[in-house]
């Protein structure tokens, strides 16, 4: 099982029960949604050693089913505690949940909030909540684009963090660290970043596409975008190591099709859309 620098990180296998009632209030929490990332591409690149930063923490992506086939639906569910579910156990106990009658996926280790979302619940617990937007549903340019960011105390989006910016992940991490440094270090943080780079268009991450003048996205450029994202994440991990123990939750909100059975894109019922990569791990603070 891999560990980070000096053994500072420990992988949390889905078979290990994580008591979120002990995590909430003592740890920072970081949620990264790798928008549109397919499980098959993510797992292949990890196995081939093409994701060296994530490979410090993740030995294998867990295949899970998304709660939605496109960004808006999936994130509404995630912010209510419905993260992608284990394929063979859709009623597995959830990490965090909002209280409602009839839930069958809450157990003694689930952190249950009385607020409408886990974002608002964590704020009630004293967390600073930050959203760094990426794709269009976080762009704050329209009432619809404001719906999800407005759940957070602080939110940010610009064209430089959106889907058309080749250096979007770098800019998102810059902005996240900048905002976090404005608050007292003693205050716990819940940071959410909607990583936009993998979402279409992503052709500009592929050297082959650029050489050939190709502006069509495909599985190669999809994977190249993930490699770019991986190359930017070390700064984020290093920053949180300087703060305190941190729970990282990484997942895709949905996948996407590149011509399989004649389908392209997402917001449709296809295995490449529903099956997404998921990982969770705790990074220990530097001593």
C-alpha atoms as a PDB file:
ATOM      1  CA  UNK A   1       0.000   0.000   0.000  1.00  0.00           C
ATOM      2  CA  UNK A   2       1.582   3.312  -1.058  1.00  0.00           C
ATOM      3  CA  UNK A   3       2.291   6.174   1.264  1.00  0.00           C
ATOM      4  CA  UNK A   4       3.255   9.780   0.725  1.00  0.00           C
ATOM      5  CA  UNK A   5       6.516  11.453   1.627  1.00  0.00           C
ATOM      6  CA  UNK A   6       7.906  10.149   4.912  1.00  0.00           C
ATOM      7  CA  UNK A   7       4.865   7.922   5.282  1.00  0.00           C
ATOM      8  CA  UNK A   8       2.683  10.973   5.894  1.00  0.00           C
ATOM      9  CA  UNK A   9      -0.321   9.624   3.974  1.00  0.00           C
ATOM     10  CA  UNK A  10      -2.386   6.526   4.465  1.00  0.00           C
ATOM     11  CA  UNK A  11      -4.752   5.044   1.918  1.00  0.00           C
ATOM     12  CA  UNK A  12      -8.271   4.373   3.125  1.00  0.00           C
ATOM     13  CA  UNK A  13      -9.553   1.185   1.527  1.00  0.00           C
ATOM     14  CA  UNK A  14     -13.335   1.070   1.096  1.00  0.00           C
ATOM     15  CA  UNK A  15     -13.323  -1.987   3.376  1.00  0.00           C
ATOM     16  CA  UNK A  16     -12.004   0.190   6.227  1.00  0.00           C
ATOM     17  CA  UNK A  17     -14.655   2.007   8.228  1.00  0.00           C
ATOM     18  CA  UNK A  18     -13.882   5.705   8.574  1.00  0.00           C
ATOM     19  CA  UNK A  19     -15.537   7.425  11.534  1.00  0.00           C
ATOM     20  CA  UNK A  20     -16.468  10.825  10.174  1.00  0.00           C
ATOM     21  CA  UNK A  21     -17.710  11.911  13.597  1.00  0.00           C
ATOM     22  CA  UNK A  22     -14.037  11.972  14.593  1.00  0.00           C
ATOM     23  CA  UNK A  23     -12.802  13.468  11.317  1.00  0.00           C
ATOM     24  CA  UNK A  24     -15.226  16.413  11.205  1.00  0.00           C
ATOM     25  CA  UNK A  25     -13.913  19.093  13.525  1.00  0.00           C
ATOM     26  CA  UNK A  26     -10.352  17.770  13.659  1.00  0.00           C
ATOM     27  CA  UNK A  27      -9.314  17.526   9.992  1.00  0.00           C
ATOM     28  CA  UNK A  28      -9.404  19.764   6.967  1.00  0.00           C
ATOM     29  CA  UNK A  29     -11.545  18.208   4.222  1.00  0.00           C
ATOM     30  CA  UNK A  30     -10.790  18.548   0.504  1.00  0.00           C
ATOM     31  CA  UNK A  31     -13.200  17.378  -2.192  1.00  0.00           C
ATOM     32  CA  UNK A  32     -11.905  17.315  -5.759  1.00  0.00           C
ATOM     33  CA  UNK A  33     -14.344  16.390  -8.501  1.00  0.00           C
ATOM     34  CA  UNK A  34     -12.415  15.504 -11.640  1.00  0.00           C
ATOM     35  CA  UNK A  35     -15.164  16.589 -13.960  1.00  0.00           C
ATOM     36  CA  UNK A  36     -16.030  14.083 -16.724  1.00  0.00           C
ATOM     37  CA  UNK A  37     -13.190  11.667 -15.879  1.00  0.00           C
ATOM     38  CA  UNK A  38     -13.804   8.081 -17.027  1.00  0.00           C
ATOM     39  CA  UNK A  39     -12.897   5.176 -14.774  1.00  0.00           C
ATOM     40  CA  UNK A  40     -11.190   3.132 -17.481  1.00  0.00           C
ATOM     41  CA  UNK A  41      -8.854   5.961 -18.471  1.00  0.00           C
ATOM     42  CA  UNK A  42      -8.065   6.883 -14.865  1.00  0.00           C
ATOM     43  CA  UNK A  43      -7.268   3.290 -13.883  1.00  0.00           C
ATOM     44  CA  UNK A  44      -5.137   2.593 -16.954  1.00  0.00           C
ATOM     45  CA  UNK A  45      -2.983   5.683 -16.428  1.00  0.00           C
ATOM     46  CA  UNK A  46      -2.561   4.941 -12.723  1.00  0.00           C
ATOM     47  CA  UNK A  47      -1.545   1.338 -13.426  1.00  0.00           C
ATOM     48  CA  UNK A  48       0.960   2.481 -16.060  1.00  0.00           C
ATOM     49  CA  UNK A  49       2.591   4.914 -13.638  1.00  0.00           C
ATOM     50  CA  UNK A  50       1.458   7.966 -15.599  1.00  0.00           C
ATOM     51  CA  UNK A  51      -0.002   9.649 -12.488  1.00  0.00           C
ATOM     52  CA  UNK A  52       3.049   9.936 -10.211  1.00  0.00           C
ATOM     53  CA  UNK A  53       1.557  12.494  -7.819  1.00  0.00           C
ATOM     54  CA  UNK A  54      -1.719  10.672  -7.253  1.00  0.00           C
ATOM     55  CA  UNK A  55       0.204   7.411  -7.240  1.00  0.00           C
ATOM     56  CA  UNK A  56       1.767   8.451  -3.924  1.00  0.00           C
ATOM     57  CA  UNK A  57      -1.638   8.013  -2.318  1.00  0.00           C
ATOM     58  CA  UNK A  58      -3.741   5.767  -4.540  1.00  0.00           C
ATOM     59  CA  UNK A  59      -2.912   2.168  -5.374  1.00  0.00           C
ATOM     60  CA  UNK A  60      -6.101   1.690  -7.412  1.00  0.00           C
ATOM     61  CA  UNK A  61      -9.177   3.729  -8.202  1.00  0.00           C
ATOM     62  CA  UNK A  62     -12.400   2.291  -6.865  1.00  0.00           C
ATOM     63  CA  UNK A  63     -15.013   1.860  -9.613  1.00  0.00           C
ATOM     64  CA  UNK A  64     -18.252   3.429  -8.415  1.00  0.00           C
ATOM     65  CA  UNK A  65     -21.549   4.541  -9.890  1.00  0.00           C
ATOM     66  CA  UNK A  66     -22.262   8.229 -10.205  1.00  0.00           C
ATOM     67  CA  UNK A  67     -25.474   9.664  -8.718  1.00  0.00           C
ATOM     68  CA  UNK A  68     -26.008  11.635 -11.931  1.00  0.00           C
ATOM     69  CA  UNK A  69     -25.136  11.622 -15.608  1.00  0.00           C
ATOM     70  CA  UNK A  70     -24.080  15.279 -15.798  1.00  0.00           C
ATOM     71  CA  UNK A  71     -22.447  17.886 -13.588  1.00  0.00           C
ATOM     72  CA  UNK A  72     -25.447  19.705 -12.121  1.00  0.00           C
ATOM     73  CA  UNK A  73     -27.337  16.592 -11.063  1.00  0.00           C
ATOM     74  CA  UNK A  74     -24.268  14.768  -9.751  1.00  0.00           C
ATOM     75  CA  UNK A  75     -23.056  17.698  -7.667  1.00  0.00           C
ATOM     76  CA  UNK A  76     -26.456  18.337  -6.120  1.00  0.00           C
ATOM     77  CA  UNK A  77     -26.384  14.739  -4.943  1.00  0.00           C
ATOM     78  CA  UNK A  78     -22.765  14.902  -3.784  1.00  0.00           C
ATOM     79  CA  UNK A  79     -23.400  18.063  -1.775  1.00  0.00           C
ATOM     80  CA  UNK A  80     -26.199  16.194  -0.023  1.00  0.00           C
ATOM     81  CA  UNK A  81     -23.777  13.414   0.890  1.00  0.00           C
ATOM     82  CA  UNK A  82     -24.546  11.062  -1.984  1.00  0.00           C
ATOM     83  CA  UNK A  83     -21.035  10.480  -3.283  1.00  0.00           C
ATOM     84  CA  UNK A  84     -20.570   7.886  -6.027  1.00  0.00           C
ATOM     85  CA  UNK A  85     -21.615   4.532  -4.573  1.00  0.00           C
ATOM     86  CA  UNK A  86     -19.767   1.193  -4.526  1.00  0.00           C
ATOM     87  CA  UNK A  87     -21.080  -0.788  -7.479  1.00  0.00           C
ATOM     88  CA  UNK A  88     -21.758  -3.964  -5.490  1.00  0.00           C
ATOM     89  CA  UNK A  89     -23.105  -2.180  -2.398  1.00  0.00           C
ATOM     90  CA  UNK A  90     -25.235   0.874  -3.239  1.00  0.00           C
ATOM     91  CA  UNK A  91     -26.493   1.054   0.361  1.00  0.00           C
ATOM     92  CA  UNK A  92     -22.985   1.207   1.828  1.00  0.00           C
ATOM     93  CA  UNK A  93     -22.817   3.646   4.763  1.00  0.00           C
ATOM     94  CA  UNK A  94     -22.015   7.152   3.610  1.00  0.00           C
ATOM     95  CA  UNK A  95     -19.264   9.414   4.935  1.00  0.00           C
ATOM     96  CA  UNK A  96     -21.541  12.415   5.443  1.00  0.00           C
ATOM     97  CA  UNK A  97     -25.274  12.818   5.077  1.00  0.00           C
ATOM     98  CA  UNK A  98     -28.118  15.242   5.674  1.00  0.00           C
ATOM     99  CA  UNK A  99     -30.834  13.964   7.944  1.00  0.00           C
ATOM    100  CA  UNK A 100     -33.999  12.692   6.294  1.00  0.00           C
ATOM    101  CA  UNK A 101     -36.473   9.976   7.186  1.00  0.00           C
ATOM    102  CA  UNK A 102     -36.017   6.623   5.506  1.00  0.00           C
ATOM    103  CA  UNK A 103     -32.302   6.817   4.715  1.00  0.00           C
ATOM    104  CA  UNK A 104     -30.776   3.332   4.599  1.00  0.00           C
ATOM    105  CA  UNK A 105     -27.157   4.386   4.073  1.00  0.00           C
ATOM    106  CA  UNK A 106     -26.411   6.055   7.416  1.00  0.00           C
ATOM    107  CA  UNK A 107     -24.634   4.251  10.242  1.00  0.00           C
ATOM    108  CA  UNK A 108     -22.850   5.150  13.495  1.00  0.00           C
ATOM    109  CA  UNK A 109     -19.766   6.371  11.598  1.00  0.00           C
ATOM    110  CA  UNK A 110     -21.687   8.732   9.303  1.00  0.00           C
ATOM    111  CA  UNK A 111     -21.519  12.422  10.123  1.00  0.00           C
ATOM    112  CA  UNK A 112     -25.151  13.531   9.904  1.00  0.00           C
ATOM    113  CA  UNK A 113     -26.066  17.197   9.481  1.00  0.00           C
ATOM    114  CA  UNK A 114     -29.406  18.887  10.065  1.00  0.00           C
ATOM    115  CA  UNK A 115     -28.777  21.417   7.308  1.00  0.00           C
ATOM    116  CA  UNK A 116     -29.902  20.924   3.699  1.00  0.00           C
ATOM    117  CA  UNK A 117     -26.390  20.150   2.402  1.00  0.00           C
ATOM    118  CA  UNK A 118     -23.105  18.894   3.793  1.00  0.00           C
ATOM    119  CA  UNK A 119     -21.568  22.219   2.734  1.00  0.00           C
ATOM    120  CA  UNK A 120     -23.895  24.137   5.032  1.00  0.00           C
ATOM    121  CA  UNK A 121     -23.522  21.463   7.693  1.00  0.00           C
ATOM    122  CA  UNK A 122     -19.739  21.821   7.737  1.00  0.00           C
ATOM    123  CA  UNK A 123     -20.090  25.604   7.933  1.00  0.00           C
ATOM    124  CA  UNK A 124     -22.303  25.144  10.990  1.00  0.00           C
ATOM    125  CA  UNK A 125     -19.520  23.033  12.493  1.00  0.00           C
ATOM    126  CA  UNK A 126     -17.124  25.975  12.134  1.00  0.00           C
ATOM    127  CA  UNK A 127     -15.542  25.159   8.791  1.00  0.00           C
ATOM    128  CA  UNK A 128     -14.593  27.800   6.284  1.00  0.00           C
ATOM    129  CA  UNK A 129     -16.229  26.561   3.055  1.00  0.00           C
ATOM    130  CA  UNK A 130     -14.628  27.407  -0.278  1.00  0.00           C
ATOM    131  CA  UNK A 131     -15.626  26.573  -3.845  1.00  0.00           C
ATOM    132  CA  UNK A 132     -13.248  26.966  -6.776  1.00  0.00           C
ATOM    133  CA  UNK A 133     -15.422  26.609  -9.845  1.00  0.00           C
ATOM    134  CA  UNK A 134     -14.580  25.033 -13.163  1.00  0.00           C
ATOM    135  CA  UNK A 135     -17.231  23.991 -15.668  1.00  0.00           C
ATOM    136  CA  UNK A 136     -20.229  26.104 -16.661  1.00  0.00           C
ATOM    137  CA  UNK A 137     -22.464  25.161 -13.742  1.00  0.00           C
ATOM    138  CA  UNK A 138     -20.027  27.014 -11.463  1.00  0.00           C
ATOM    139  CA  UNK A 139     -19.394  30.095 -13.595  1.00  0.00           C
ATOM    140  CA  UNK A 140     -21.657  32.453 -11.561  1.00  0.00           C
ATOM    141  CA  UNK A 141     -22.591  34.353 -14.752  1.00  0.00           C
ATOM    142  CA  UNK A 142     -26.262  33.336 -14.556  1.00  0.00           C
ATOM    143  CA  UNK A 143     -28.699  32.433 -11.753  1.00  0.00           C
ATOM    144  CA  UNK A 144     -28.240  28.751 -12.643  1.00  0.00           C
ATOM    145  CA  UNK A 145     -24.458  29.107 -12.528  1.00  0.00           C
ATOM    146  CA  UNK A 146     -24.742  30.667  -9.060  1.00  0.00           C
ATOM    147  CA  UNK A 147     -26.858  27.899  -7.507  1.00  0.00           C
ATOM    148  CA  UNK A 148     -24.052  25.515  -6.517  1.00  0.00           C
ATOM    149  CA  UNK A 149     -21.373  28.128  -5.660  1.00  0.00           C
ATOM    150  CA  UNK A 150     -23.829  29.978  -3.421  1.00  0.00           C
ATOM    151  CA  UNK A 151     -23.872  27.015  -1.042  1.00  0.00           C
ATOM    152  CA  UNK A 152     -20.359  28.064   0.017  1.00  0.00           C
ATOM    153  CA  UNK A 153     -19.197  30.968   2.154  1.00  0.00           C
ATOM    154  CA  UNK A 154     -16.566  31.828  -0.455  1.00  0.00           C
ATOM    155  CA  UNK A 155     -16.655  30.950  -4.138  1.00  0.00           C
ATOM    156  CA  UNK A 156     -14.602  31.834  -7.165  1.00  0.00           C
ATOM    157  CA  UNK A 157     -14.722  31.350 -10.913  1.00  0.00           C
ATOM    158  CA  UNK A 158     -13.067  33.009 -13.904  1.00  0.00           C
ATOM    159  CA  UNK A 159     -12.369  32.131 -17.521  1.00  0.00           C
ATOM    160  CA  UNK A 160      -8.861  31.186 -16.370  1.00  0.00           C
ATOM    161  CA  UNK A 161     -10.327  28.357 -14.270  1.00  0.00           C
ATOM    162  CA  UNK A 162     -12.828  27.251 -16.918  1.00  0.00           C
ATOM    163  CA  UNK A 163     -12.813  24.509 -19.519  1.00  0.00           C
ATOM    164  CA  UNK A 164     -11.125  26.501 -22.304  1.00  0.00           C
ATOM    165  CA  UNK A 165      -8.033  27.508 -20.289  1.00  0.00           C
ATOM    166  CA  UNK A 166      -5.093  25.109 -20.814  1.00  0.00           C
ATOM    167  CA  UNK A 167      -3.639  26.038 -17.394  1.00  0.00           C
ATOM    168  CA  UNK A 168      -6.958  25.879 -15.527  1.00  0.00           C
ATOM    169  CA  UNK A 169      -5.871  23.477 -12.773  1.00  0.00           C
ATOM    170  CA  UNK A 170      -2.808  25.561 -11.968  1.00  0.00           C
ATOM    171  CA  UNK A 171      -5.029  28.642 -11.668  1.00  0.00           C
ATOM    172  CA  UNK A 172      -7.581  26.812  -9.538  1.00  0.00           C
ATOM    173  CA  UNK A 173      -4.926  25.690  -7.066  1.00  0.00           C
ATOM    174  CA  UNK A 174      -3.395  29.183  -6.996  1.00  0.00           C
ATOM    175  CA  UNK A 175      -6.784  30.645  -6.119  1.00  0.00           C
ATOM    176  CA  UNK A 176      -7.561  27.992  -3.514  1.00  0.00           C
ATOM    177  CA  UNK A 177      -4.301  28.550  -1.649  1.00  0.00           C
ATOM    178  CA  UNK A 178      -4.716  32.331  -1.906  1.00  0.00           C
ATOM    179  CA  UNK A 179      -8.185  32.201  -0.319  1.00  0.00           C
ATOM    180  CA  UNK A 180      -7.145  29.749   2.383  1.00  0.00           C
ATOM    181  CA  UNK A 181      -4.275  31.986   3.428  1.00  0.00           C
ATOM    182  CA  UNK A 182      -6.724  34.824   4.104  1.00  0.00           C
ATOM    183  CA  UNK A 183      -8.338  32.918   6.994  1.00  0.00           C
ATOM    184  CA  UNK A 184      -6.840  32.038  10.389  1.00  0.00           C
ATOM    185  CA  UNK A 185      -4.821  28.820  10.151  1.00  0.00           C
ATOM    186  CA  UNK A 186      -6.635  27.554  13.247  1.00  0.00           C
ATOM    187  CA  UNK A 187      -9.939  27.490  11.350  1.00  0.00           C
ATOM    188  CA  UNK A 188     -10.723  24.189   9.678  1.00  0.00           C
ATOM    189  CA  UNK A 189     -11.393  24.317   5.938  1.00  0.00           C
ATOM    190  CA  UNK A 190     -13.680  22.486   3.575  1.00  0.00           C
ATOM    191  CA  UNK A 191     -12.248  23.083   0.112  1.00  0.00           C
ATOM    192  CA  UNK A 192     -14.102  22.001  -3.002  1.00  0.00           C
ATOM    193  CA  UNK A 193     -12.559  22.268  -6.467  1.00  0.00           C
ATOM    194  CA  UNK A 194     -14.425  21.332  -9.610  1.00  0.00           C
ATOM    195  CA  UNK A 195     -11.433  20.367 -11.783  1.00  0.00           C
ATOM    196  CA  UNK A 196     -12.378  21.524 -15.279  1.00  0.00           C
ATOM    197  CA  UNK A 197      -9.387  20.428 -17.376  1.00  0.00           C
ATOM    198  CA  UNK A 198     -10.625  16.944 -18.302  1.00  0.00           C
ATOM    199  CA  UNK A 199     -13.967  18.217 -19.568  1.00  0.00           C
ATOM    200  CA  UNK A 200     -14.260  18.922 -23.270  1.00  0.00           C
ATOM    201  CA  UNK A 201     -12.430  20.642 -24.931  1.00  0.00           C
ATOM    202  CA  UNK A 202      -9.277  18.784 -23.940  1.00  0.00           C
ATOM    203  CA  UNK A 203      -7.522  18.278 -27.305  1.00  0.00           C
ATOM    204  CA  UNK A 204      -4.883  20.882 -26.424  1.00  0.00           C
ATOM    205  CA  UNK A 205      -3.356  18.598 -23.747  1.00  0.00           C
ATOM    206  CA  UNK A 206      -2.352  16.034 -26.371  1.00  0.00           C
ATOM    207  CA  UNK A 207       1.014  16.620 -28.085  1.00  0.00           C
ATOM    208  CA  UNK A 208      -0.091  14.410 -30.976  1.00  0.00           C
ATOM    209  CA  UNK A 209      -3.235  16.497 -31.484  1.00  0.00           C
ATOM    210  CA  UNK A 210      -1.226  19.708 -31.508  1.00  0.00           C
ATOM    211  CA  UNK A 211       1.327  18.295 -33.965  1.00  0.00           C
ATOM    212  CA  UNK A 212      -1.445  17.205 -36.323  1.00  0.00           C
ATOM    213  CA  UNK A 213      -3.508  20.352 -35.874  1.00  0.00           C
ATOM    214  CA  UNK A 214      -6.390  18.233 -34.577  1.00  0.00           C
ATOM    215  CA  UNK A 215      -9.037  19.957 -32.465  1.00  0.00           C
ATOM    216  CA  UNK A 216     -11.194  16.872 -31.851  1.00  0.00           C
ATOM    217  CA  UNK A 217     -11.199  15.400 -28.347  1.00  0.00           C
ATOM    218  CA  UNK A 218     -10.702  11.663 -27.903  1.00  0.00           C
ATOM    219  CA  UNK A 219      -9.561   9.149 -25.298  1.00  0.00           C
ATOM    220  CA  UNK A 220      -5.920  10.153 -25.806  1.00  0.00           C
ATOM    221  CA  UNK A 221      -6.549  13.809 -25.079  1.00  0.00           C
ATOM    222  CA  UNK A 222      -8.890  12.850 -22.213  1.00  0.00           C
ATOM    223  CA  UNK A 223      -6.003  10.936 -20.632  1.00  0.00           C
ATOM    224  CA  UNK A 224      -3.491  13.674 -21.407  1.00  0.00           C
ATOM    225  CA  UNK A 225      -5.720  16.134 -19.554  1.00  0.00           C
ATOM    226  CA  UNK A 226      -5.681  13.894 -16.478  1.00  0.00           C
ATOM    227  CA  UNK A 227      -1.871  13.729 -16.647  1.00  0.00           C
ATOM    228  CA  UNK A 228      -1.806  17.533 -16.703  1.00  0.00           C
ATOM    229  CA  UNK A 229      -4.053  17.653 -13.637  1.00  0.00           C
ATOM    230  CA  UNK A 230      -1.794  15.193 -11.819  1.00  0.00           C
ATOM    231  CA  UNK A 231       1.242  17.369 -12.570  1.00  0.00           C
ATOM    232  CA  UNK A 232      -0.373  20.286 -10.717  1.00  0.00           C
ATOM    233  CA  UNK A 233      -1.643  18.572  -7.567  1.00  0.00           C
ATOM    234  CA  UNK A 234       1.584  18.311  -5.566  1.00  0.00           C
ATOM    235  CA  UNK A 235       1.377  21.977  -4.517  1.00  0.00           C
ATOM    236  CA  UNK A 236      -2.088  21.396  -3.099  1.00  0.00           C
ATOM    237  CA  UNK A 237      -1.002  18.334  -1.133  1.00  0.00           C
ATOM    238  CA  UNK A 238       2.083  20.125   0.158  1.00  0.00           C
ATOM    239  CA  UNK A 239       0.047  23.115   1.293  1.00  0.00           C
ATOM    240  CA  UNK A 240      -2.391  21.011   3.303  1.00  0.00           C
ATOM    241  CA  UNK A 241       0.457  19.019   4.816  1.00  0.00           C
ATOM    242  CA  UNK A 242       1.646  22.302   6.345  1.00  0.00           C
ATOM    243  CA  UNK A 243      -1.774  22.879   7.948  1.00  0.00           C
ATOM    244  CA  UNK A 244      -3.096  19.724   9.634  1.00  0.00           C
ATOM    245  CA  UNK A 245      -4.289  16.191   8.952  1.00  0.00           C
ATOM    246  CA  UNK A 246      -6.529  16.329   5.899  1.00  0.00           C
ATOM    247  CA  UNK A 247      -9.128  14.015   4.425  1.00  0.00           C
ATOM    248  CA  UNK A 248      -9.005  14.061   0.634  1.00  0.00           C
ATOM    249  CA  UNK A 249     -11.962  12.773  -1.389  1.00  0.00           C
ATOM    250  CA  UNK A 250     -11.352  12.492  -5.135  1.00  0.00           C
ATOM    251  CA  UNK A 251     -13.943  11.363  -7.627  1.00  0.00           C
ATOM    252  CA  UNK A 252     -15.430  12.038 -10.998  1.00  0.00           C
ATOM    253  CA  UNK A 253     -18.963  13.373 -11.156  1.00  0.00           C
ATOM    254  CA  UNK A 254     -19.667  11.356 -14.326  1.00  0.00           C
ATOM    255  CA  UNK A 255     -17.809   9.941 -17.307  1.00  0.00           C
ATOM    256  CA  UNK A 256     -18.309  10.621 -20.994  1.00  0.00           C
ATOM    257  CA  UNK A 257     -18.513   8.754 -24.290  1.00  0.00           C
ATOM    258  CA  UNK A 258     -16.139   9.048 -27.218  1.00  0.00           C
ATOM    259  CA  UNK A 259     -18.098   7.188 -29.872  1.00  0.00           C
ATOM    260  CA  UNK A 260     -18.859   3.970 -27.955  1.00  0.00           C
ATOM    261  CA  UNK A 261     -21.923   2.363 -29.559  1.00  0.00           C
ATOM    262  CA  UNK A 262     -22.431   5.601 -31.452  1.00  0.00           C
ATOM    263  CA  UNK A 263     -22.715   7.757 -28.326  1.00  0.00           C
ATOM    264  CA  UNK A 264     -20.798  10.961 -27.701  1.00  0.00           C
ATOM    265  CA  UNK A 265     -20.721  13.110 -24.580  1.00  0.00           C
ATOM    266  CA  UNK A 266     -22.695  12.502 -21.392  1.00  0.00           C
ATOM    267  CA  UNK A 267     -26.132  13.213 -19.883  1.00  0.00           C
ATOM    268  CA  UNK A 268     -27.060   9.775 -21.150  1.00  0.00           C
ATOM    269  CA  UNK A 269     -27.284   6.242 -19.743  1.00  0.00           C
ATOM    270  CA  UNK A 270     -24.081   4.503 -20.784  1.00  0.00           C
ATOM    271  CA  UNK A 271     -21.584   2.480 -18.762  1.00  0.00           C
ATOM    272  CA  UNK A 272     -18.731   4.893 -19.504  1.00  0.00           C
ATOM    273  CA  UNK A 273     -20.875   7.717 -18.100  1.00  0.00           C
ATOM    274  CA  UNK A 274     -22.124   5.937 -14.970  1.00  0.00           C
ATOM    275  CA  UNK A 275     -18.880   4.245 -13.884  1.00  0.00           C
ATOM    276  CA  UNK A 276     -16.494   6.718 -12.277  1.00  0.00           C
ATOM    277  CA  UNK A 277     -13.207   6.587 -10.338  1.00  0.00           C
ATOM    278  CA  UNK A 278     -13.242   7.254  -6.586  1.00  0.00           C
ATOM    279  CA  UNK A 279     -10.530   7.476  -3.912  1.00  0.00           C
ATOM    280  CA  UNK A 280     -10.271   8.723  -0.352  1.00  0.00           C
ATOM    281  CA  UNK A 281      -7.214   9.065   1.847  1.00  0.00           C
ATOM    282  CA  UNK A 282      -5.868  10.953   4.826  1.00  0.00           C
ATOM    283  CA  UNK A 283      -2.697  12.954   4.469  1.00  0.00           C
ATOM    284  CA  UNK A 284      -0.961  13.426   7.802  1.00  0.00           C
ATOM    285  CA  UNK A 285       0.395  16.822   8.702  1.00  0.00           C
ATOM    286  CA  UNK A 286       4.134  17.358   8.595  1.00  0.00           C
ATOM    287  CA  UNK A 287       5.746  16.883  12.005  1.00  0.00           C
END
